[in-house]
Amino acid sequence: MHADRHQPFDDDSRVIKFRPRASASRRLQGWNTATDDPDLDDSPVADLTKYEIQESNEDYRHRMFVNAIALAFTTVLILAGVWLANMMAHT
């Protein structure tokens, strides 16, 4: 008894096109996204490449060291929580 009915569109409805953003370095190299939209580079934000810094090997090592410490700390917290839950369950 259900007919395939379509509601008429409201006059206020709009379709907003979301474009994929290309990184600043890709835009500088002339790399274009899959669409050849001329308005793609019309960004309200100024180019931020002057704030980009190259990641050195030392920065990577430091970040991995901090990640390892965070992993160890989180593991200790989980183990302490499991131990505490077991102690409360057995009493």
PDB file of N, CA and C in Angstrom:
ATOM      1  N   MET A   1       0.800  -1.170   0.000  1.00  0.00           N
ATOM      2  CA  MET A   1       0.000   0.000   0.000  1.00  0.00           C
ATOM      3  C   MET A   1       0.861   1.258   0.000  1.00  0.00           C
ATOM      4  N   HIS A   2       2.170   1.093   0.272  1.00  0.00           N
ATOM      5  CA  HIS A   2       3.063   2.256   0.276  1.00  0.00           C
ATOM      6  C   HIS A   2       3.529   2.549  -1.136  1.00  0.00           C
ATOM      7  N   ALA A   3       3.199   3.691  -1.589  1.00  0.00           N
ATOM      8  CA  ALA A   3       3.679   4.101  -2.902  1.00  0.00           C
ATOM      9  C   ALA A   3       5.002   4.829  -2.724  1.00  0.00           C
ATOM     10  N   ASP A   4       5.840   4.760  -3.718  1.00  0.00           N
ATOM     11  CA  ASP A   4       7.139   5.438  -3.648  1.00  0.00           C
ATOM     12  C   ASP A   4       6.916   6.927  -3.875  1.00  0.00           C
ATOM     13  N   ARG A   5       6.781   7.651  -2.792  1.00  0.00           N
ATOM     14  CA  ARG A   5       6.510   9.084  -2.877  1.00  0.00           C
ATOM     15  C   ARG A   5       7.778   9.869  -2.611  1.00  0.00           C
ATOM     16  N   HIS A   6       7.946  10.902  -3.346  1.00  0.00           N
ATOM     17  CA  HIS A   6       9.065  11.816  -3.145  1.00  0.00           C
ATOM     18  C   HIS A   6       8.505  13.139  -2.688  1.00  0.00           C
ATOM     19  N   GLN A   7       9.086  13.660  -1.633  1.00  0.00           N
ATOM     20  CA  GLN A   7       8.639  14.964  -1.160  1.00  0.00           C
ATOM     21  C   GLN A   7       9.242  16.039  -2.051  1.00  0.00           C
ATOM     22  N   PRO A   8       8.489  17.073  -2.319  1.00  0.00           N
ATOM     23  CA  PRO A   8       9.058  18.152  -3.137  1.00  0.00           C
ATOM     24  C   PRO A   8      10.162  18.868  -2.366  1.00  0.00           C
ATOM     25  N   PHE A   9      11.145  19.365  -3.091  1.00  0.00           N
ATOM     26  CA  PHE A   9      12.258  20.058  -2.464  1.00  0.00           C
ATOM     27  C   PHE A   9      11.805  21.413  -1.941  1.00  0.00           C
ATOM     28  N   ASP A  10      12.323  21.777  -0.811  1.00  0.00           N
ATOM     29  CA  ASP A  10      12.048  23.109  -0.269  1.00  0.00           C
ATOM     30  C   ASP A  10      12.835  24.136  -1.052  1.00  0.00           C
ATOM     31  N   ASP A  11      12.347  25.349  -1.068  1.00  0.00           N
ATOM     32  CA  ASP A  11      13.072  26.420  -1.737  1.00  0.00           C
ATOM     33  C   ASP A  11      14.357  26.780  -0.992  1.00  0.00           C
ATOM     34  N   ASP A  12      14.416  26.449   0.306  1.00  0.00           N
ATOM     35  CA  ASP A  12      15.576  26.801   1.123  1.00  0.00           C
ATOM     36  C   ASP A  12      16.686  25.764   1.063  1.00  0.00           C
ATOM     37  N   SER A  13      16.443  24.608   0.459  1.00  0.00           N
ATOM     38  CA  SER A  13      17.462  23.561   0.473  1.00  0.00           C
ATOM     39  C   SER A  13      18.549  23.873  -0.557  1.00  0.00           C
ATOM     40  N   ARG A  14      19.782  23.582  -0.152  1.00  0.00           N
ATOM     41  CA  ARG A  14      20.940  23.804  -1.018  1.00  0.00           C
ATOM     42  C   ARG A  14      21.878  22.616  -0.896  1.00  0.00           C
ATOM     43  N   VAL A  15      22.573  22.335  -1.934  1.00  0.00           N
ATOM     44  CA  VAL A  15      23.601  21.301  -1.922  1.00  0.00           C
ATOM     45  C   VAL A  15      24.939  22.004  -1.838  1.00  0.00           C
ATOM     46  N   ILE A  16      25.710  21.648  -0.838  1.00  0.00           N
ATOM     47  CA  ILE A  16      27.019  22.259  -0.638  1.00  0.00           C
ATOM     48  C   ILE A  16      28.074  21.284  -1.130  1.00  0.00           C
ATOM     49  N   LYS A  17      28.918  21.735  -2.019  1.00  0.00           N
ATOM     50  CA  LYS A  17      29.963  20.889  -2.572  1.00  0.00           C
ATOM     51  C   LYS A  17      31.209  21.003  -1.686  1.00  0.00           C
ATOM     52  N   PHE A  18      31.647  19.894  -1.131  1.00  0.00           N
ATOM     53  CA  PHE A  18      32.862  19.870  -0.328  1.00  0.00           C
ATOM     54  C   PHE A  18      34.009  19.417  -1.217  1.00  0.00           C
ATOM     55  N   ARG A  19      35.016  20.248  -1.326  1.00  0.00           N
ATOM     56  CA  ARG A  19      36.163  19.927  -2.168  1.00  0.00           C
ATOM     57  C   ARG A  19      37.280  19.347  -1.319  1.00  0.00           C
ATOM     58  N   PRO A  20      38.013  18.395  -1.843  1.00  0.00           N
ATOM     59  CA  PRO A  20      39.175  17.893  -1.097  1.00  0.00           C
ATOM     60  C   PRO A  20      40.253  18.964  -1.061  1.00  0.00           C
ATOM     61  N   ARG A  21      40.890  19.063   0.078  1.00  0.00           N
ATOM     62  CA  ARG A  21      41.958  20.053   0.219  1.00  0.00           C
ATOM     63  C   ARG A  21      43.285  19.441  -0.158  1.00  0.00           C
ATOM     64  N   ALA A  22      44.072  20.197  -0.876  1.00  0.00           N
ATOM     65  CA  ALA A  22      45.429  19.768  -1.204  1.00  0.00           C
ATOM     66  C   ALA A  22      46.365  20.459  -0.224  1.00  0.00           C
ATOM     67  N   SER A  23      47.423  19.783   0.170  1.00  0.00           N
ATOM     68  CA  SER A  23      48.364  20.404   1.091  1.00  0.00           C
ATOM     69  C   SER A  23      49.118  21.520   0.380  1.00  0.00           C
ATOM     70  N   ALA A  24      49.683  22.408   1.172  1.00  0.00           N
ATOM     71  CA  ALA A  24      50.372  23.560   0.605  1.00  0.00           C
ATOM     72  C   ALA A  24      51.565  23.126  -0.242  1.00  0.00           C
ATOM     73  N   SER A  25      52.272  22.084   0.185  1.00  0.00           N
ATOM     74  CA  SER A  25      53.430  21.649  -0.590  1.00  0.00           C
ATOM     75  C   SER A  25      53.005  21.071  -1.935  1.00  0.00           C
ATOM     76  N   ARG A  26      51.860  20.392  -1.976  1.00  0.00           N
ATOM     77  CA  ARG A  26      51.383  19.844  -3.247  1.00  0.00           C
ATOM     78  C   ARG A  26      50.969  20.964  -4.186  1.00  0.00           C
ATOM     79  N   ARG A  27      50.370  22.016  -3.631  1.00  0.00           N
ATOM     80  CA  ARG A  27      49.977  23.132  -4.479  1.00  0.00           C
ATOM     81  C   ARG A  27      51.202  23.841  -5.043  1.00  0.00           C
ATOM     82  N   LEU A  28      52.254  23.927  -4.242  1.00  0.00           N
ATOM     83  CA  LEU A  28      53.461  24.599  -4.713  1.00  0.00           C
ATOM     84  C   LEU A  28      54.152  23.803  -5.805  1.00  0.00           C
ATOM     85  N   GLN A  29      54.040  22.487  -5.746  1.00  0.00           N
ATOM     86  CA  GLN A  29      54.690  21.652  -6.746  1.00  0.00           C
ATOM     87  C   GLN A  29      53.855  21.529  -8.008  1.00  0.00           C
ATOM     88  N   GLY A  30      52.672  22.123  -8.027  1.00  0.00           N
ATOM     89  CA  GLY A  30      51.837  22.048  -9.201  1.00  0.00           C
ATOM     90  C   GLY A  30      51.016  20.782  -9.260  1.00  0.00           C
ATOM     91  N   TRP A  31      50.983  20.009  -8.177  1.00  0.00           N
ATOM     92  CA  TRP A  31      50.201  18.786  -8.132  1.00  0.00           C
ATOM     93  C   TRP A  31      48.750  19.164  -8.006  1.00  0.00           C
ATOM     94  N   ASN A  32      47.913  18.572  -8.820  1.00  0.00           N
ATOM     95  CA  ASN A  32      46.498  18.902  -8.806  1.00  0.00           C
ATOM     96  C   ASN A  32      45.721  17.696  -8.332  1.00  0.00           C
ATOM     97  N   THR A  33      44.598  17.929  -7.668  1.00  0.00           N
ATOM     98  CA  THR A  33      43.764  16.827  -7.214  1.00  0.00           C
ATOM     99  C   THR A  33      43.021  16.240  -8.392  1.00  0.00           C
ATOM    100  N   ALA A  34      42.189  15.267  -8.119  1.00  0.00           N
ATOM    101  CA  ALA A  34      41.492  14.567  -9.191  1.00  0.00           C
ATOM    102  C   ALA A  34      40.568  15.482  -9.979  1.00  0.00           C
ATOM    103  N   THR A  35      40.061  16.523  -9.340  1.00  0.00           N
ATOM    104  CA  THR A  35      39.191  17.456 -10.049  1.00  0.00           C
ATOM    105  C   THR A  35      40.021  18.622 -10.543  1.00  0.00           C
ATOM    106  N   ASP A  36      39.711  19.101 -11.705  1.00  0.00           N
ATOM    107  CA  ASP A  36      40.404  20.261 -12.252  1.00  0.00           C
ATOM    108  C   ASP A  36      39.560  21.501 -12.024  1.00  0.00           C
ATOM    109  N   ASP A  37      39.143  21.692 -10.796  1.00  0.00           N
ATOM    110  CA  ASP A  37      38.289  22.817 -10.436  1.00  0.00           C
ATOM    111  C   ASP A  37      39.147  24.067 -10.311  1.00  0.00           C
ATOM    112  N   PRO A  38      38.854  25.130 -11.064  1.00  0.00           N
ATOM    113  CA  PRO A  38      39.679  26.331 -10.980  1.00  0.00           C
ATOM    114  C   PRO A  38      39.531  27.060  -9.649  1.00  0.00           C
ATOM    115  N   ASP A  39      38.436  26.820  -8.932  1.00  0.00           N
ATOM    116  CA  ASP A  39      38.240  27.501  -7.651  1.00  0.00           C
ATOM    117  C   ASP A  39      38.893  26.755  -6.492  1.00  0.00           C
ATOM    118  N   LEU A  40      39.590  25.663  -6.762  1.00  0.00           N
ATOM    119  CA  LEU A  40      40.171  24.852  -5.705  1.00  0.00           C
ATOM    120  C   LEU A  40      41.229  25.610  -4.915  1.00  0.00           C
ATOM    121  N   ASP A  41      42.008  26.452  -5.565  1.00  0.00           N
ATOM    122  CA  ASP A  41      43.070  27.181  -4.881  1.00  0.00           C
ATOM    123  C   ASP A  41      42.591  28.482  -4.263  1.00  0.00           C
ATOM    124  N   ASP A  42      41.327  28.813  -4.395  1.00  0.00           N
ATOM    125  CA  ASP A  42      40.788  30.024  -3.799  1.00  0.00           C
ATOM    126  C   ASP A  42      40.461  29.754  -2.345  1.00  0.00           C
ATOM    127  N   SER A  43      41.471  29.801  -1.507  1.00  0.00           N
ATOM    128  CA  SER A  43      41.294  29.516  -0.097  1.00  0.00           C
ATOM    129  C   SER A  43      41.262  30.825   0.687  1.00  0.00           C
ATOM    130  N   PRO A  44      40.394  30.920   1.689  1.00  0.00           N
ATOM    131  CA  PRO A  44      40.380  32.137   2.506  1.00  0.00           C
ATOM    132  C   PRO A  44      41.569  32.222   3.450  1.00  0.00           C
ATOM    133  N   VAL A  45      42.329  31.140   3.573  1.00  0.00           N
ATOM    134  CA  VAL A  45      43.480  31.108   4.469  1.00  0.00           C
ATOM    135  C   VAL A  45      44.739  31.351   3.655  1.00  0.00           C
ATOM    136  N   ALA A  46      45.611  32.207   4.180  1.00  0.00           N
ATOM    137  CA  ALA A  46      46.871  32.485   3.498  1.00  0.00           C
ATOM    138  C   ALA A  46      47.761  31.241   3.495  1.00  0.00           C
ATOM    139  N   ASP A  47      48.726  31.209   2.625  1.00  0.00           N
ATOM    140  CA  ASP A  47      49.631  30.084   2.510  1.00  0.00           C
ATOM    141  C   ASP A  47      50.443  29.938   3.794  1.00  0.00           C
ATOM    142  N   LEU A  48      50.473  28.752   4.367  1.00  0.00           N
ATOM    143  CA  LEU A  48      51.129  28.513   5.651  1.00  0.00           C
ATOM    144  C   LEU A  48      52.470  27.806   5.506  1.00  0.00           C
ATOM    145  N   THR A  49      53.024  27.760   4.312  1.00  0.00           N
ATOM    146  CA  THR A  49      54.283  27.045   4.125  1.00  0.00           C
ATOM    147  C   THR A  49      55.436  27.700   4.867  1.00  0.00           C
ATOM    148  N   LYS A  50      55.332  28.987   5.175  1.00  0.00           N
ATOM    149  CA  LYS A  50      56.435  29.631   5.894  1.00  0.00           C
ATOM    150  C   LYS A  50      56.546  29.114   7.329  1.00  0.00           C
ATOM    151  N   TYR A  51      55.476  28.483   7.841  1.00  0.00           N
ATOM    152  CA  TYR A  51      55.509  27.938   9.193  1.00  0.00           C
ATOM    153  C   TYR A  51      55.890  26.466   9.228  1.00  0.00           C
ATOM    154  N   GLU A  52      55.998  25.816   8.074  1.00  0.00           N
ATOM    155  CA  GLU A  52      56.362  24.413   8.042  1.00  0.00           C
ATOM    156  C   GLU A  52      57.849  24.255   8.297  1.00  0.00           C
ATOM    157  N   ILE A  53      58.176  23.219   9.078  1.00  0.00           N
ATOM    158  CA  ILE A  53      59.581  22.912   9.311  1.00  0.00           C
ATOM    159  C   ILE A  53      59.806  21.458   8.916  1.00  0.00           C
ATOM    160  N   GLN A  54      60.997  21.188   8.441  1.00  0.00           N
ATOM    161  CA  GLN A  54      61.344  19.829   8.060  1.00  0.00           C
ATOM    162  C   GLN A  54      61.631  19.018   9.318  1.00  0.00           C
ATOM    163  N   GLU A  55      61.119  17.796   9.357  1.00  0.00           N
ATOM    164  CA  GLU A  55      61.338  16.939  10.510  1.00  0.00           C
ATOM    165  C   GLU A  55      62.718  16.300  10.410  1.00  0.00           C
ATOM    166  N   SER A  56      63.506  16.461  11.458  1.00  0.00           N
ATOM    167  CA  SER A  56      64.835  15.872  11.451  1.00  0.00           C
ATOM    168  C   SER A  56      64.767  14.471  12.057  1.00  0.00           C
ATOM    169  N   ASN A  57      65.830  13.725  11.889  1.00  0.00           N
ATOM    170  CA  ASN A  57      65.915  12.375  12.430  1.00  0.00           C
ATOM    171  C   ASN A  57      65.893  12.416  13.954  1.00  0.00           C
ATOM    172  N   GLU A  58      66.488  13.456  14.529  1.00  0.00           N
ATOM    173  CA  GLU A  58      66.519  13.598  15.984  1.00  0.00           C
ATOM    174  C   GLU A  58      65.111  13.824  16.539  1.00  0.00           C
ATOM    175  N   ASP A  59      64.297  14.626  15.851  1.00  0.00           N
ATOM    176  CA  ASP A  59      62.921  14.852  16.285  1.00  0.00           C
ATOM    177  C   ASP A  59      62.132  13.550  16.255  1.00  0.00           C
ATOM    178  N   TYR A  60      62.334  12.746  15.233  1.00  0.00           N
ATOM    179  CA  TYR A  60      61.634  11.471  15.115  1.00  0.00           C
ATOM    180  C   TYR A  60      62.018  10.537  16.256  1.00  0.00           C
ATOM    181  N   ARG A  61      63.304  10.464  16.549  1.00  0.00           N
ATOM    182  CA  ARG A  61      63.775   9.596  17.636  1.00  0.00           C
ATOM    183  C   ARG A  61      63.199  10.042  18.971  1.00  0.00           C
ATOM    184  N   HIS A  62      63.176  11.354  19.208  1.00  0.00           N
ATOM    185  CA  HIS A  62      62.635  11.882  20.459  1.00  0.00           C
ATOM    186  C   HIS A  62      61.147  11.571  20.573  1.00  0.00           C
ATOM    187  N   ARG A  63      60.399  11.749  19.484  1.00  0.00           N
ATOM    188  CA  ARG A  63      58.972  11.474  19.507  1.00  0.00           C
ATOM    189  C   ARG A  63      58.705   9.996  19.764  1.00  0.00           C
ATOM    190  N   MET A  64      59.494   9.114  19.158  1.00  0.00           N
ATOM    191  CA  MET A  64      59.309   7.679  19.383  1.00  0.00           C
ATOM    192  C   MET A  64      59.665   7.300  20.824  1.00  0.00           C
ATOM    193  N   PHE A  65      60.680   7.948  21.394  1.00  0.00           N
ATOM    194  CA  PHE A  65      61.066   7.696  22.779  1.00  0.00           C
ATOM    195  C   PHE A  65      59.937   8.116  23.717  1.00  0.00           C
ATOM    196  N   VAL A  66      59.354   9.272  23.484  1.00  0.00           N
ATOM    197  CA  VAL A  66      58.242   9.750  24.310  1.00  0.00           C
ATOM    198  C   VAL A  66      57.038   8.827  24.145  1.00  0.00           C
ATOM    199  N   ASN A  67      56.784   8.351  22.923  1.00  0.00           N
ATOM    200  CA  ASN A  67      55.683   7.408  22.703  1.00  0.00           C
ATOM    201  C   ASN A  67      55.911   6.106  23.472  1.00  0.00           C
ATOM    202  N   ALA A  68      57.144   5.623  23.520  1.00  0.00           N
ATOM    203  CA  ALA A  68      57.457   4.393  24.258  1.00  0.00           C
ATOM    204  C   ALA A  68      57.228   4.593  25.753  1.00  0.00           C
ATOM    205  N   ILE A  69      57.622   5.745  26.272  1.00  0.00           N
ATOM    206  CA  ILE A  69      57.398   6.040  27.690  1.00  0.00           C
ATOM    207  C   ILE A  69      55.898   6.113  27.977  1.00  0.00           C
ATOM    208  N   ALA A  70      55.139   6.750  27.104  1.00  0.00           N
ATOM    209  CA  ALA A  70      53.687   6.840  27.292  1.00  0.00           C
ATOM    210  C   ALA A  70      53.043   5.462  27.240  1.00  0.00           C
ATOM    211  N   LEU A  71      53.515   4.605  26.338  1.00  0.00           N
ATOM    212  CA  LEU A  71      52.989   3.243  26.256  1.00  0.00           C
ATOM    213  C   LEU A  71      53.286   2.471  27.532  1.00  0.00           C
ATOM    214  N   ALA A  72      54.501   2.585  28.045  1.00  0.00           N
ATOM    215  CA  ALA A  72      54.870   1.894  29.286  1.00  0.00           C
ATOM    216  C   ALA A  72      54.032   2.398  30.461  1.00  0.00           C
ATOM    217  N   PHE A  73      53.834   3.694  30.561  1.00  0.00           N
ATOM    218  CA  PHE A  73      53.036   4.279  31.647  1.00  0.00           C
ATOM    219  C   PHE A  73      51.590   3.809  31.564  1.00  0.00           C
ATOM    220  N   THR A  74      51.035   3.792  30.359  1.00  0.00           N
ATOM    221  CA  THR A  74      49.657   3.338  30.173  1.00  0.00           C
ATOM    222  C   THR A  74      49.518   1.862  30.518  1.00  0.00           C
ATOM    223  N   THR A  75      50.507   1.061  30.150  1.00  0.00           N
ATOM    224  CA  THR A  75      50.492  -0.364  30.480  1.00  0.00           C
ATOM    225  C   THR A  75      50.524  -0.573  31.984  1.00  0.00           C
ATOM    226  N   VAL A  76      51.354   0.187  32.685  1.00  0.00           N
ATOM    227  CA  VAL A  76      51.418   0.086  34.146  1.00  0.00           C
ATOM    228  C   VAL A  76      50.087   0.485  34.765  1.00  0.00           C
ATOM    229  N   LEU A  77      49.458   1.535  34.251  1.00  0.00           N
ATOM    230  CA  LEU A  77      48.145   1.938  34.778  1.00  0.00           C
ATOM    231  C   LEU A  77      47.091   0.853  34.556  1.00  0.00           C
ATOM    232  N   ILE A  78      47.103   0.220  33.395  1.00  0.00           N
ATOM    233  CA  ILE A  78      46.137  -0.842  33.115  1.00  0.00           C
ATOM    234  C   ILE A  78      46.378  -2.029  34.035  1.00  0.00           C
ATOM    235  N   LEU A  79      47.629  -2.425  34.186  1.00  0.00           N
ATOM    236  CA  LEU A  79      47.939  -3.555  35.066  1.00  0.00           C
ATOM    237  C   LEU A  79      47.560  -3.253  36.510  1.00  0.00           C
ATOM    238  N   ALA A  80      47.801  -2.032  36.964  1.00  0.00           N
ATOM    239  CA  ALA A  80      47.424  -1.653  38.329  1.00  0.00           C
ATOM    240  C   ALA A  80      45.905  -1.681  38.485  1.00  0.00           C
ATOM    241  N   GLY A  81      45.181  -1.251  37.471  1.00  0.00           N
ATOM    242  CA  GLY A  81      43.728  -1.286  37.542  1.00  0.00           C
ATOM    243  C   GLY A  81      43.190  -2.706  37.578  1.00  0.00           C
ATOM    244  N   VAL A  82      43.765  -3.600  36.780  1.00  0.00           N
ATOM    245  CA  VAL A  82      43.341  -5.002  36.783  1.00  0.00           C
ATOM    246  C   VAL A  82      43.668  -5.642  38.120  1.00  0.00           C
ATOM    247  N   TRP A  83      44.839  -5.382  38.651  1.00  0.00           N
ATOM    248  CA  TRP A  83      45.226  -5.929  39.959  1.00  0.00           C
ATOM    249  C   TRP A  83      44.283  -5.432  41.045  1.00  0.00           C
ATOM    250  N   LEU A  84      43.975  -4.137  41.026  1.00  0.00           N
ATOM    251  CA  LEU A  84      43.082  -3.556  42.029  1.00  0.00           C
ATOM    252  C   LEU A  84      41.689  -4.161  41.911  1.00  0.00           C
ATOM    253  N   ALA A  85      41.193  -4.347  40.697  1.00  0.00           N
ATOM    254  CA  ALA A  85      39.872  -4.957  40.505  1.00  0.00           C
ATOM    255  C   ALA A  85      39.855  -6.402  41.013  1.00  0.00           C
ATOM    256  N   ASN A  86      40.944  -7.146  40.770  1.00  0.00           N
ATOM    257  CA  ASN A  86      41.033  -8.531  41.278  1.00  0.00           C
ATOM    258  C   ASN A  86      41.074  -8.555  42.792  1.00  0.00           C
ATOM    259  N   MET A  87      41.804  -7.629  43.401  1.00  0.00           N
ATOM    260  CA  MET A  87      41.897  -7.583  44.864  1.00  0.00           C
ATOM    261  C   MET A  87      40.536  -7.249  45.460  1.00  0.00           C
ATOM    262  N   MET A  88      39.778  -6.355  44.833  1.00  0.00           N
ATOM    263  CA  MET A  88      38.452  -5.999  45.344  1.00  0.00           C
ATOM    264  C   MET A  88      37.480  -7.159  45.149  1.00  0.00           C
ATOM    265  N   ALA A  89      37.639  -7.935  44.083  1.00  0.00           N
ATOM    266  CA  ALA A  89      36.736  -9.049  43.811  1.00  0.00           C
ATOM    267  C   ALA A  89      36.978 -10.210  44.779  1.00  0.00           C
ATOM    268  N   HIS A  90      38.213 -10.393  45.229  1.00  0.00           N
ATOM    269  CA  HIS A  90      38.537 -11.512  46.108  1.00  0.00           C
ATOM    270  C   HIS A  90      38.286 -11.216  47.570  1.00  0.00           C
ATOM    271  N   THR A  91      38.014  -9.991  47.933  1.00  0.00           N
ATOM    272  CA  THR A  91      37.785  -9.680  49.351  1.00  0.00           C
ATOM    273  C   THR A  91      36.332  -9.655  49.709  1.00  0.00           C
TER     274      THR A  91
END
